[in-house]
Protein backbone atom coordinates (compact mmCIF):
# COMPACT_ATOMS: atom_id res chain seq x y z
CA MET A 1 5.22 31.29 -64.83
CA ALA A 2 7.28 28.43 -66.00
CA ILE A 3 6.01 25.14 -66.81
CA PHE A 4 8.37 21.90 -66.48
CA ASP A 5 7.70 18.84 -68.24
CA THR A 6 8.48 15.81 -66.42
CA THR A 7 6.75 13.25 -68.62
CA ARG A 8 9.19 13.15 -71.10
CA THR A 9 12.54 11.06 -70.97
CA THR A 10 15.94 12.55 -70.81
CA TYR A 11 16.58 13.62 -74.45
CA GLY A 12 18.82 11.83 -76.39
CA THR A 13 19.13 8.61 -73.96
CA ALA A 14 16.27 6.79 -76.24
CA THR A 15 18.61 7.25 -79.36
CA VAL A 16 21.72 5.95 -77.50
CA VAL A 17 19.84 2.92 -76.40
CA SER A 18 18.38 2.38 -79.86
CA ARG A 19 21.96 3.11 -81.40
CA PHE A 20 23.27 0.53 -79.00
CA PHE A 21 21.04 -2.41 -79.35
CA GLY A 22 20.75 -1.46 -83.18
CA LEU A 23 24.63 -2.44 -83.29
CA VAL A 24 24.25 -5.52 -81.07
CA ASN A 25 21.54 -6.85 -83.26
CA ASN A 26 23.46 -6.27 -86.50
CA ALA A 27 26.68 -7.98 -84.75
CA ILE A 28 24.10 -11.21 -84.09
CA ALA A 29 22.97 -11.16 -87.51
CA SER A 30 26.50 -11.40 -88.76
CA ILE A 31 27.11 -14.23 -86.74
CA VAL A 32 24.33 -15.86 -87.32
CA ALA A 33 24.65 -15.56 -91.49
CA TRP A 34 28.59 -16.68 -91.28
CA ASN A 35 27.32 -19.82 -89.42
CA ASP A 36 24.91 -20.47 -91.98
CA ALA A 37 27.42 -19.93 -94.59
CA ARG A 38 29.71 -22.16 -92.53
CA VAL A 39 27.30 -25.37 -92.37
CA THR A 40 26.11 -24.52 -95.84
CA ARG A 41 29.68 -25.10 -97.20
CA ASN A 42 30.37 -28.04 -94.90
CA ALA A 43 27.34 -29.83 -96.09
CA LEU A 44 27.83 -29.18 -99.83
CA THR A 45 31.59 -29.78 -99.54
CA SER A 46 30.81 -33.40 -98.53
CA LEU A 47 28.82 -34.17 -101.00
CA SER A 48 30.72 -36.21 -104.10
CA ASP A 49 31.17 -34.48 -107.53
CA ARG A 50 28.10 -36.89 -108.59
CA GLU A 51 25.76 -35.81 -106.03
CA LEU A 52 26.70 -32.10 -106.55
CA LEU A 53 25.69 -32.55 -110.55
CA ASP A 54 22.57 -34.25 -109.52
CA ILE A 55 21.54 -31.17 -107.93
CA GLY A 56 22.83 -28.75 -110.79
CA LEU A 57 26.32 -27.79 -108.92
CA ASN A 58 30.05 -28.20 -108.96
CA ARG A 59 32.91 -27.47 -106.74
CA ALA A 60 33.41 -23.93 -108.05
CA ASP A 61 29.72 -23.11 -106.96
CA ILE A 62 29.92 -24.09 -103.16
CA ASP A 63 31.33 -20.97 -102.16
CA TYR A 64 28.64 -18.61 -104.42
CA VAL A 65 25.82 -20.91 -102.93
CA ALA A 66 26.91 -20.79 -99.58
CA GLU A 67 27.50 -16.93 -99.38
CA SER A 68 24.35 -16.09 -101.41
CA ASN A 69 21.13 -14.97 -99.80
CA ILE A 70 19.02 -17.66 -101.33
CA ILE A 71 16.52 -18.83 -98.52
CA ARG A 72 18.05 -22.15 -97.09
């Protein structure tokens, strides 16, 4: 006598769906990180040299700060 288990999903389907949503999630996270860096870079670029000096930065530091993973 054979037993057929119908309670499980099709093998491999969950893995494919998980990978798809993982790729979508990574794409959205990349876009959000790019936008955060863009906004930070624009805000720092609009400051004068004196204002940048007051917060301990110079013009050369703007790209480093914008691309870093420092909590803003």
